[in-house]
Amino acid sequence: MTLIKSISGIRGTIGGRAGEALTPIDIVKFTAAFGKILMQKTGNTKIVVGRDARLSGEMVSNLVVGTLQSIGADVINLGLSTTPTVELAVPLEEAAGGIILTASHNPGQWNALKLLNHKGEFINDEEGKEVLALGESLDFDFAEVEALGVARKDDSYLQKHIDAVLALPLVDREAIRAAGFKIAVDAVNSTGGTFIPALLEALGVETIYKIHCEPNGHFPHNPEPLKENLTDLSAAVLEHQADLGIAVDPDVDRLVFMMEDGELFGEEYTLVAVADYILGHTKGNTVSNLSSTRALRDVTIKHGGAYFAAAVGEVNVVTKMKEVNAVIGGEGNGGVIYPESHYGRDALVGVAIFLTHLAKLGKKVSEYRAELPQYFMSKNKITLTPDLDIDALLAKMEEKYKQEQYTTIDGLKIDFAEEWVHLRKSNTEPIIRIYSEGPTEEAATKIAQKIMDDIQEIIG
């Protein structure tokens, strides 16, 4: 059983003992703490709640909604929803904040509380620590009976989210309709199974092949949208001779495309393609995290903009985007953040922009992919002994490569002429993650192996 408290929220496996997993006790105390802090800071009692379709979702939602009412908060319950939909709903409702009940790409035994501020953006590390401290101390009172909050259901936000996407100036519904796309969708039996087909229909797509689109929470495969988990989507694209496939994770903030030949477009390239279109119409800067492909930098420079890197984590990317006034940004896991809509990863926005781009190009997905900068990524990890000082190890690696261009804002990233390597320590286990990228698969693997050999030499 696992309980992880981090910048990403409170997440864990369902069942087990309090403090060791995401039990009702843990859910209640951290929900109450977060709600209390929101209301104290804003003077506002309204809080938005939404969830993905995983099996524990209804149980967790009942606990969260009831707990918020018990501290005097008024709940707008969106029910089955998506992370970006809740992010949009918070400012539209003029709420104090929001809670999204989803463990994102984690398997079905997991769930989580993702915490949003009054802007509908993820709270930062300092605010997260404040929630954890209050939740552990329980130093607050619950409401008297006359002061209990009220809860109301609101199922209007599917349409509101779609309307917001259609209203974006760079989304061309008529171009998409005229292209006559045939599209297969794998939504891992979560809420994307409702939201993505509804968006496609609104965009004028008439032929949609639904794969695992029943939001019943029974994930038919590992929910992370990686190649090895999307064999059913690949088969559907080939069987129906679809123009492309679309895959999302359970809470619909990660977006992956599949080409007409049944091969993945590449989750790293979702943001690259969207940025290519945005930058062609809006001059400006871009941001992604340090572990994302160099292709975004290349596309940004091609369009006359400047590229900036942020520490891993959506809140870090958003902070950097605001700092440099980026017009598009996100993460290499298929996360698209378009400030014209809102500061959050949004697969619906990504779908609409990508399809507009593809319709106007008039090319097959594979033809367009071949025109983008070509890079290959390798992802590795080294397991270390629990007593090893990982920070000291990274410092020694920094000294070893001090003649290269490097940054230490998030672990250690070393930029070589043709490749880069990013070393990050895990917050939950004694491992170092090693991401590398190069112009060929062989180059990415070779530089990763060189770094791993260096680490083994240092630790003996």
Protein backbone atom coordinates (compact mmCIF):
# COMPACT_ATOMS: atom_id res chain seq x y z
CA MET A 1 0.00 0.00 0.00
CA THR A 2 1.24 3.48 -0.87
CA LEU A 3 0.50 7.08 0.13
CA ILE A 4 2.45 9.86 -1.59
CA LYS A 5 2.15 13.50 -0.59
CA SER A 6 3.82 15.78 -3.13
CA ILE A 7 3.52 18.83 -5.37
CA SER A 8 1.14 16.72 -7.51
CA GLY A 9 -1.36 16.35 -4.64
CA ILE A 10 -2.29 13.52 -2.28
CA ARG A 11 -2.25 10.18 -4.06
CA GLY A 12 -2.19 6.58 -3.04
CA THR A 13 -3.65 3.12 -3.33
CA ILE A 14 -7.13 2.40 -2.00
CA GLY A 15 -7.38 0.18 1.08
CA GLY A 16 -4.97 -0.64 3.87
CA ARG A 17 -4.09 1.36 6.98
CA ALA A 18 -4.45 5.08 7.54
CA GLY A 19 -1.23 6.93 6.78
CA GLU A 20 0.02 4.08 4.62
CA ALA A 21 -2.52 4.29 1.78
CA LEU A 22 -5.30 6.58 0.57
CA THR A 23 -7.87 5.59 3.20
CA PRO A 24 -11.09 7.44 4.10
CA ILE A 25 -9.28 8.96 7.08
CA ASP A 26 -6.52 10.38 4.87
CA ILE A 27 -9.04 11.64 2.33
CA VAL A 28 -11.11 13.42 4.99
CA LYS A 29 -8.27 15.10 6.86
CA PHE A 30 -6.49 16.48 3.78
CA THR A 31 -9.75 17.52 2.11
CA ALA A 32 -10.82 19.37 5.25
CA ALA A 33 -7.41 21.03 5.59
CA PHE A 34 -7.40 22.19 1.97
CA GLY A 35 -10.97 23.47 2.16
CA LYS A 36 -10.24 25.38 5.38
CA ILE A 37 -7.17 27.04 3.86
CA LEU A 38 -9.07 28.00 0.69
CA MET A 39 -11.91 29.60 2.61
CA GLN A 40 -9.59 31.44 5.02
CA LYS A 41 -7.49 32.86 2.19
CA THR A 42 -10.32 33.86 -0.15
CA GLY A 43 -13.31 34.45 2.11
CA ASN A 44 -15.19 32.30 -0.40
CA THR A 45 -17.04 29.09 0.46
CA LYS A 46 -17.50 27.71 -3.07
CA ILE A 47 -15.33 24.72 -4.11
CA VAL A 48 -15.58 22.73 -7.35
CA VAL A 49 -15.18 18.93 -7.34
CA GLY A 50 -14.91 16.55 -10.30
CA ARG A 51 -13.62 13.02 -10.84
CA ASP A 52 -12.46 10.53 -13.43
CA ALA A 53 -14.25 7.19 -13.87
CA ARG A 54 -12.01 4.88 -11.82
CA LEU A 55 -13.81 2.36 -9.62
CA SER A 56 -13.06 4.14 -6.34
CA GLY A 57 -14.20 7.50 -7.73
CA GLU A 58 -17.74 7.54 -6.38
CA MET A 59 -16.64 6.49 -2.89
CA VAL A 60 -13.86 9.09 -2.81
CA SER A 61 -16.19 11.76 -4.20
CA ASN A 62 -18.81 11.07 -1.52
CA LEU A 63 -16.15 11.49 1.17
CA VAL A 64 -14.74 14.67 -0.35
CA VAL A 65 -18.11 16.34 -0.92
CA GLY A 66 -19.36 15.44 2.55
CA THR A 67 -16.14 16.60 4.18
CA LEU A 68 -16.27 19.95 2.41
CA GLN A 69 -19.86 20.42 3.56
CA SER A 70 -18.76 19.54 7.11
CA ILE A 71 -16.41 22.54 7.21
CA GLY A 72 -19.04 24.89 5.81
CA ALA A 73 -18.02 24.80 2.13
CA ASP A 74 -20.57 24.90 -0.69
CA VAL A 75 -19.73 22.30 -3.33
CA ILE A 76 -20.29 22.45 -7.08
CA ASN A 77 -20.05 18.77 -7.96
CA LEU A 78 -19.31 18.15 -11.66
CA GLY A 79 -19.43 14.39 -11.20
CA LEU A 80 -17.68 12.49 -14.00
CA SER A 81 -15.42 15.09 -15.55
CA THR A 82 -11.83 15.79 -16.62
CA THR A 83 -8.94 17.62 -15.03
CA PRO A 84 -9.01 20.49 -17.56
CA THR A 85 -12.80 20.78 -17.23
CA VAL A 86 -12.54 21.32 -13.49
CA GLU A 87 -9.72 23.82 -14.10
CA LEU A 88 -12.04 25.80 -16.38
CA ALA A 89 -14.99 25.52 -14.00
CA VAL A 90 -13.26 27.04 -10.96
CA PRO A 91 -12.92 30.60 -12.36
CA LEU A 92 -16.24 30.35 -14.23
CA GLU A 93 -17.95 29.54 -10.92
CA GLU A 94 -15.87 32.22 -9.14
CA ALA A 95 -14.96 29.49 -6.65
CA ALA A 96 -12.25 29.50 -3.99
CA GLY A 97 -10.61 26.49 -5.64
CA GLY A 98 -11.19 22.96 -6.78
CA ILE A 99 -10.37 19.30 -6.16
CA ILE A 100 -9.96 16.78 -8.96
CA LEU A 101 -10.28 13.16 -7.92
CA THR A 102 -7.93 11.27 -10.22
CA ALA A 103 -4.65 9.42 -10.09
CA SER A 104 -4.04 10.46 -13.70
CA HIS A 105 -2.19 7.67 -15.55
CA ASN A 106 -1.77 5.44 -12.47
CA PRO A 107 -3.45 2.00 -12.49
CA GLY A 108 -6.95 1.40 -11.19
CA GLN A 109 -6.08 0.72 -7.55
CA TRP A 110 -4.84 4.32 -7.23
CA ASN A 111 -6.74 7.54 -6.65
CA ALA A 112 -5.73 11.06 -5.65
CA LEU A 113 -6.74 14.57 -4.64
CA LYS A 114 -5.40 17.14 -7.11
CA LEU A 115 -5.70 20.60 -5.61
CA LEU A 116 -6.51 23.83 -7.48
CA ASN A 117 -6.41 27.49 -6.40
CA HIS A 118 -9.01 30.15 -7.25
CA LYS A 119 -7.56 30.52 -10.77
CA GLY A 120 -8.14 26.85 -11.50
CA GLU A 121 -4.39 26.21 -11.42
CA PHE A 122 -2.47 23.69 -9.35
CA ILE A 123 -1.30 24.95 -5.98
CA ASN A 124 2.46 25.41 -5.58
CA ASP A 125 4.88 23.54 -3.36
CA GLU A 126 4.65 26.02 -0.48
CA GLU A 127 0.84 25.90 -0.49
CA GLY A 128 0.97 22.12 -0.68
CA LYS A 129 3.14 21.95 2.43
CA GLU A 130 0.66 24.18 4.24
CA VAL A 131 -2.16 21.74 3.41
CA LEU A 132 -0.10 18.76 4.58
CA ALA A 133 0.83 20.44 7.84
CA LEU A 134 -2.76 21.40 8.69
CA GLY A 135 -4.04 17.97 7.65
CA GLU A 136 -1.59 16.23 9.96
CA SER A 137 -2.26 18.57 12.89
CA LEU A 138 -6.07 18.69 12.49
CA ASP A 139 -5.89 22.07 14.20
CA PHE A 140 -9.29 23.36 13.07
CA ASP A 141 -12.98 23.12 13.92
CA PHE A 142 -15.74 21.58 11.85
CA ALA A 143 -18.95 23.54 11.23
CA GLU A 144 -21.98 23.58 13.54
CA VAL A 145 -25.14 22.09 12.05
CA GLU A 146 -26.62 25.45 11.02
CA ALA A 147 -23.38 26.33 9.18
CA LEU A 148 -22.99 23.13 7.14
CA GLY A 149 -22.33 23.71 3.44
CA VAL A 150 -24.62 22.68 0.61
CA ALA A 151 -23.78 20.66 -2.48
CA ARG A 152 -25.27 20.85 -5.95
CA LYS A 153 -24.69 18.76 -9.05
CA ASP A 154 -23.78 20.53 -12.29
CA ASP A 155 -23.53 18.44 -15.45
CA SER A 156 -23.33 21.41 -17.84
CA TYR A 157 -19.55 21.59 -18.03
CA LEU A 158 -19.04 19.04 -20.80
CA GLN A 159 -20.79 21.43 -23.16
CA LYS A 160 -19.20 24.52 -21.60
CA HIS A 161 -15.74 23.03 -22.10
CA ILE A 162 -16.48 22.15 -25.72
CA ASP A 163 -17.91 25.62 -26.34
CA ALA A 164 -14.74 27.17 -24.90
CA VAL A 165 -12.57 25.09 -27.25
CA LEU A 166 -14.69 25.95 -30.29
CA ALA A 167 -14.42 29.65 -29.40
CA LEU A 168 -10.62 29.65 -29.64
CA PRO A 169 -9.65 31.84 -32.64
CA LEU A 170 -7.12 29.34 -33.98
CA VAL A 171 -9.55 26.40 -33.97
CA ASP A 172 -11.10 26.08 -37.44
CA ARG A 173 -14.19 23.92 -37.24
CA GLU A 174 -15.01 24.27 -40.93
CA ALA A 175 -11.54 23.16 -42.02
CA ILE A 176 -11.83 20.08 -39.82
CA ARG A 177 -15.30 19.28 -41.12
CA ALA A 178 -14.15 19.65 -44.72
CA ALA A 179 -11.20 17.29 -44.14
CA GLY A 180 -13.60 14.40 -43.48
CA PHE A 181 -11.35 12.75 -40.90
CA LYS A 182 -11.95 9.18 -39.77
CA ILE A 183 -10.67 8.91 -36.19
CA ALA A 184 -10.28 6.07 -33.68
CA VAL A 185 -10.36 6.92 -29.96
CA ASP A 186 -9.06 4.95 -26.94
CA ALA A 187 -10.14 6.57 -23.66
CA VAL A 188 -9.23 3.65 -21.34
CA ASN A 189 -12.88 3.43 -20.17
CA SER A 190 -12.72 6.74 -18.33
CA THR A 191 -14.25 10.16 -18.87
CA GLY A 192 -12.37 10.82 -22.11
CA GLY A 193 -14.74 8.26 -23.60
CA THR A 194 -17.50 10.84 -23.24
CA PHE A 195 -15.59 14.09 -23.69
CA ILE A 196 -13.36 13.31 -26.69
CA PRO A 197 -16.07 11.87 -29.00
CA ALA A 198 -18.41 14.74 -28.03
CA LEU A 199 -15.69 17.23 -28.97
CA LEU A 200 -14.97 15.48 -32.26
CA GLU A 201 -18.65 15.56 -33.18
CA ALA A 202 -18.79 19.28 -32.34
CA LEU A 203 -15.76 19.81 -34.58
CA GLY A 204 -17.56 18.17 -37.49
CA VAL A 205 -15.91 14.74 -37.41
CA GLU A 206 -18.57 12.29 -38.59
CA THR A 207 -16.67 8.99 -38.46
CA ILE A 208 -15.46 8.00 -34.98
CA TYR A 209 -14.36 4.51 -33.96
CA LYS A 210 -14.66 4.19 -30.19
CA ILE A 211 -12.23 1.85 -28.41
CA HIS A 212 -12.64 1.48 -24.62
CA CYS A 213 -14.86 4.56 -24.39
CA GLU A 214 -17.36 3.35 -21.77
CA PRO A 215 -16.62 5.39 -18.60
CA ASN A 216 -17.06 2.45 -16.23
CA GLY A 217 -13.61 2.54 -14.61
CA HIS A 218 -12.60 -0.95 -15.77
CA PHE A 219 -9.29 -0.03 -17.41
CA PRO A 220 -8.71 -2.58 -20.21
CA HIS A 221 -4.95 -1.94 -20.18
CA ASN A 222 -2.39 0.08 -18.27
CA PRO A 223 -3.87 3.60 -18.47
CA GLU A 224 -0.62 5.38 -19.32
CA PRO A 225 -0.87 6.25 -23.05
CA LEU A 226 2.36 4.57 -24.16
CA LYS A 227 2.98 2.46 -27.28
CA GLU A 228 2.94 -0.88 -25.48
CA ASN A 229 -0.48 -0.09 -23.96
CA LEU A 230 -2.18 1.03 -27.19
CA THR A 231 -2.16 -2.14 -29.31
CA ASP A 232 -5.98 -2.14 -29.52
CA LEU A 233 -5.97 1.41 -30.85
CA SER A 234 -3.30 0.52 -33.41
CA ALA A 235 -5.36 -2.44 -34.59
CA ALA A 236 -8.49 -0.29 -34.87
CA VAL A 237 -6.70 2.41 -36.89
CA LEU A 238 -5.45 -0.21 -39.35
CA GLU A 239 -8.71 -2.19 -39.49
CA HIS A 240 -10.84 0.88 -40.23
CA GLN A 241 -8.18 2.64 -42.32
CA ALA A 242 -8.58 5.64 -40.03
CA ASP A 243 -6.72 8.88 -40.67
CA LEU A 244 -5.43 8.88 -37.10
CA GLY A 245 -5.97 7.59 -33.60
CA ILE A 246 -6.36 9.54 -30.35
CA ALA A 247 -5.50 8.25 -26.89
CA VAL A 248 -5.91 10.03 -23.56
CA ASP A 249 -5.24 9.10 -19.94
CA PRO A 250 -8.09 8.69 -17.40
CA ASP A 251 -8.34 12.40 -16.52
CA VAL A 252 -7.80 13.68 -20.08
CA ASP A 253 -4.82 15.97 -19.56
CA ARG A 254 -2.38 13.81 -21.56
CA LEU A 255 -2.84 13.42 -25.30
CA VAL A 256 -1.22 11.01 -27.75
CA PHE A 257 -1.82 10.63 -31.48
CA MET A 258 -1.44 7.52 -33.59
CA MET A 259 -0.55 7.77 -37.27
CA GLU A 260 -2.54 6.17 -40.06
CA ASP A 261 0.03 3.35 -40.28
CA GLY A 262 -0.72 2.24 -36.70
CA GLU A 263 2.50 3.70 -35.30
CA LEU A 264 2.58 6.35 -32.59
CA PHE A 265 3.15 9.98 -33.55
CA GLY A 266 5.11 10.13 -30.27
CA GLU A 267 3.84 11.59 -26.99
CA GLU A 268 6.83 13.97 -26.99
CA TYR A 269 5.64 15.35 -30.32
CA THR A 270 2.04 16.22 -29.32
CA LEU A 271 3.22 19.55 -27.90
CA VAL A 272 5.72 20.06 -30.74
CA ALA A 273 3.00 19.77 -33.40
CA VAL A 274 0.55 22.00 -31.54
CA ALA A 275 3.29 24.60 -30.99
CA ASP A 276 4.24 24.45 -34.66
CA TYR A 277 0.72 25.54 -35.59
CA ILE A 278 0.30 28.10 -32.78
CA LEU A 279 3.67 29.76 -33.48
CA GLY A 280 2.84 29.95 -37.16
CA HIS A 281 -0.04 32.27 -36.26
CA THR A 282 1.08 33.85 -32.95
CA LYS A 283 4.65 34.98 -32.48
CA GLY A 284 6.07 34.31 -29.06
CA ASN A 285 7.96 32.05 -26.69
CA THR A 286 7.54 28.44 -25.57
CA VAL A 287 8.22 26.44 -22.40
CA SER A 288 8.52 22.73 -21.63
CA ASN A 289 10.11 20.81 -18.80
CA LEU A 290 13.75 19.74 -18.76
CA SER A 291 12.91 16.15 -19.69
CA SER A 292 11.03 17.08 -22.86
CA THR A 293 12.28 16.80 -26.43
CA ARG A 294 14.65 19.34 -27.97
CA ALA A 295 12.32 19.40 -30.98
CA LEU A 296 10.19 22.09 -29.31
CA ARG A 297 13.24 24.35 -29.10
CA ASP A 298 13.96 23.78 -32.79
CA VAL A 299 10.38 24.53 -33.87
CA THR A 300 10.29 27.64 -31.66
CA ILE A 301 13.50 29.01 -33.17
CA LYS A 302 12.19 28.26 -36.67
CA HIS A 303 9.23 30.54 -35.96
CA GLY A 304 11.39 33.30 -34.45
CA GLY A 305 10.58 32.69 -30.80
CA ALA A 306 12.65 31.83 -27.74
CA TYR A 307 12.48 28.51 -25.90
CA PHE A 308 12.75 28.17 -22.11
CA ALA A 309 12.98 25.10 -19.87
CA ALA A 310 11.31 24.59 -16.50
CA ALA A 311 11.64 22.04 -13.72
CA VAL A 312 9.48 18.93 -14.14
CA GLY A 313 5.90 19.40 -12.90
CA GLU A 314 2.95 21.25 -14.40
CA VAL A 315 2.99 24.02 -11.78
CA ASN A 316 6.66 24.70 -12.58
CA VAL A 317 5.96 24.87 -16.32
CA VAL A 318 3.03 27.25 -15.76
CA THR A 319 5.13 29.50 -13.52
CA LYS A 320 7.84 29.71 -16.20
CA MET A 321 5.27 30.32 -18.96
CA LYS A 322 3.91 33.32 -17.09
CA GLU A 323 7.42 34.59 -16.39
CA VAL A 324 8.46 34.58 -20.09
CA ASN A 325 4.98 35.29 -21.49
CA ALA A 326 4.92 32.03 -23.46
CA VAL A 327 2.15 31.60 -26.04
CA ILE A 328 2.26 27.80 -25.80
CA GLY A 329 3.90 25.29 -23.48
CA GLY A 330 3.51 22.00 -21.73
CA GLU A 331 5.24 18.73 -21.04
CA GLY A 332 6.63 15.95 -23.18
CA ASN A 333 4.14 13.45 -21.78
CA GLY A 334 1.49 14.72 -24.18
CA GLY A 335 0.50 17.69 -22.02
CA VAL A 336 -0.53 20.84 -23.93
CA ILE A 337 -0.92 24.14 -22.04
CA TYR A 338 -2.45 26.94 -24.15
CA PRO A 339 -2.85 30.18 -22.15
CA GLU A 340 -5.42 31.51 -24.63
CA SER A 341 -7.68 28.88 -23.04
CA HIS A 342 -6.28 28.36 -19.53
CA TYR A 343 -3.08 27.49 -17.70
CA GLY A 344 -3.54 23.73 -17.51
CA ARG A 345 -2.82 20.66 -19.61
CA ASP A 346 -5.86 20.11 -21.80
CA ALA A 347 -6.28 17.23 -24.24
CA LEU A 348 -9.46 18.76 -25.71
CA VAL A 349 -7.60 21.92 -26.68
CA GLY A 350 -4.76 19.80 -28.08
CA VAL A 351 -7.13 17.72 -30.22
CA ALA A 352 -8.87 20.75 -31.72
CA ILE A 353 -5.62 22.55 -32.58
CA PHE A 354 -3.91 19.45 -33.98
CA LEU A 355 -6.88 18.60 -36.20
CA THR A 356 -7.04 22.21 -37.44
CA HIS A 357 -3.33 22.07 -38.26
CA LEU A 358 -3.64 18.70 -40.01
CA ALA A 359 -6.70 19.79 -41.99
CA LYS A 360 -4.93 22.89 -43.29
CA LEU A 361 -1.74 20.97 -44.13
CA GLY A 362 -3.70 18.46 -46.19
CA LYS A 363 -1.15 15.75 -45.39
CA LYS A 364 -1.18 12.33 -43.78
CA VAL A 365 -0.13 12.32 -40.14
CA SER A 366 2.98 10.26 -40.97
CA GLU A 367 4.00 12.72 -43.70
CA TYR A 368 3.81 15.63 -41.28
CA ARG A 369 5.67 13.70 -38.58
CA ALA A 370 8.55 13.11 -41.01
CA GLU A 371 8.89 16.88 -41.52
CA LEU A 372 9.39 17.65 -37.81
CA PRO A 373 12.85 17.66 -36.18
CA GLN A 374 13.88 14.05 -35.57
CA TYR A 375 15.01 13.06 -32.08
CA PHE A 376 14.97 9.83 -30.13
CA MET A 377 14.65 9.47 -26.37
CA SER A 378 15.92 6.84 -23.94
CA LYS A 379 14.53 6.49 -20.40
CA ASN A 380 16.49 4.58 -17.77
CA LYS A 381 16.93 4.41 -14.02
CA ILE A 382 19.55 3.26 -11.53
CA THR A 383 18.48 1.76 -8.21
CA LEU A 384 20.73 2.80 -5.35
CA THR A 385 21.12 1.79 -1.72
CA PRO A 386 18.77 3.75 0.60
CA ASP A 387 21.70 5.20 2.57
CA LEU A 388 23.45 6.71 -0.46
CA ASP A 389 23.59 10.53 -0.59
CA ILE A 390 22.07 11.15 -4.03
CA ASP A 391 22.57 14.91 -3.83
CA ALA A 392 26.29 14.39 -3.25
CA LEU A 393 26.38 11.97 -6.18
CA LEU A 394 24.74 14.52 -8.47
CA ALA A 395 27.22 17.16 -7.28
CA LYS A 396 30.11 14.91 -8.32
CA MET A 397 28.51 14.40 -11.74
CA GLU A 398 28.11 18.17 -12.05
CA GLU A 399 31.83 18.62 -11.31
CA LYS A 400 32.74 15.95 -13.85
CA TYR A 401 30.79 17.71 -16.62
CA LYS A 402 31.31 21.32 -15.56
CA GLN A 403 32.85 22.14 -18.96
CA GLU A 404 29.51 21.37 -20.64
CA GLN A 405 26.37 23.48 -20.64
CA TYR A 406 24.26 22.33 -17.70
CA THR A 407 21.53 23.33 -15.26
CA THR A 408 20.71 22.22 -11.71
CA ILE A 409 17.21 23.70 -11.34
CA ASP A 410 15.81 20.14 -11.27
CA GLY A 411 18.43 17.49 -10.64
CA LEU A 412 21.20 17.81 -13.24
CA LYS A 413 20.67 18.31 -16.97
CA ILE A 414 23.72 18.29 -19.24
CA ASP A 415 23.37 19.68 -22.76
CA PHE A 416 25.90 18.32 -25.23
CA ALA A 417 26.15 19.49 -28.84
CA GLU A 418 23.96 16.71 -30.26
CA GLU A 419 22.48 15.06 -27.15
CA TRP A 420 21.29 15.85 -23.66
CA VAL A 421 20.97 13.87 -20.44
CA HIS A 422 18.72 14.68 -17.47
CA LEU A 423 19.33 13.07 -14.07
CA ARG A 424 16.63 13.37 -11.41
CA LYS A 425 16.29 11.67 -8.06
CA SER A 426 12.95 10.13 -7.16
CA ASN A 427 11.04 11.66 -4.24
CA THR A 428 9.67 8.28 -3.21
CA GLU A 429 12.38 5.65 -3.80
CA PRO A 430 16.20 5.45 -3.87
CA ILE A 431 16.61 5.72 -7.62
CA ILE A 432 17.99 8.15 -10.17
CA ARG A 433 15.97 8.56 -13.36
CA ILE A 434 18.11 9.12 -16.42
CA TYR A 435 16.46 10.61 -19.50
CA SER A 436 18.54 11.13 -22.62
CA GLU A 437 17.87 12.28 -26.18
CA GLY A 438 19.84 12.27 -29.39
CA PRO A 439 19.46 12.51 -33.18
CA THR A 440 19.36 8.71 -33.38
CA GLU A 441 18.17 5.94 -31.08
CA GLU A 442 21.76 4.67 -30.89
CA ALA A 443 23.08 8.10 -29.86
CA ALA A 444 20.46 8.47 -27.09
CA THR A 445 21.23 5.01 -25.73
CA LYS A 446 25.00 5.51 -25.95
CA ILE A 447 25.06 8.78 -24.01
CA ALA A 448 22.72 7.32 -21.36
CA GLN A 449 25.02 4.33 -20.93
CA LYS A 450 28.03 6.64 -20.62
CA ILE A 451 26.34 8.55 -17.79
CA MET A 452 25.25 5.34 -16.04
CA ASP A 453 28.82 4.02 -16.24
CA ASP A 454 30.06 7.29 -14.71
CA ILE A 455 27.60 6.94 -11.82
CA GLN A 456 28.63 3.34 -11.16
CA GLU A 457 32.28 4.42 -11.15
CA ILE A 458 31.58 7.16 -8.59
CA ILE A 459 29.64 4.91 -6.21
CA GLY A 460 32.08 2.05 -6.68
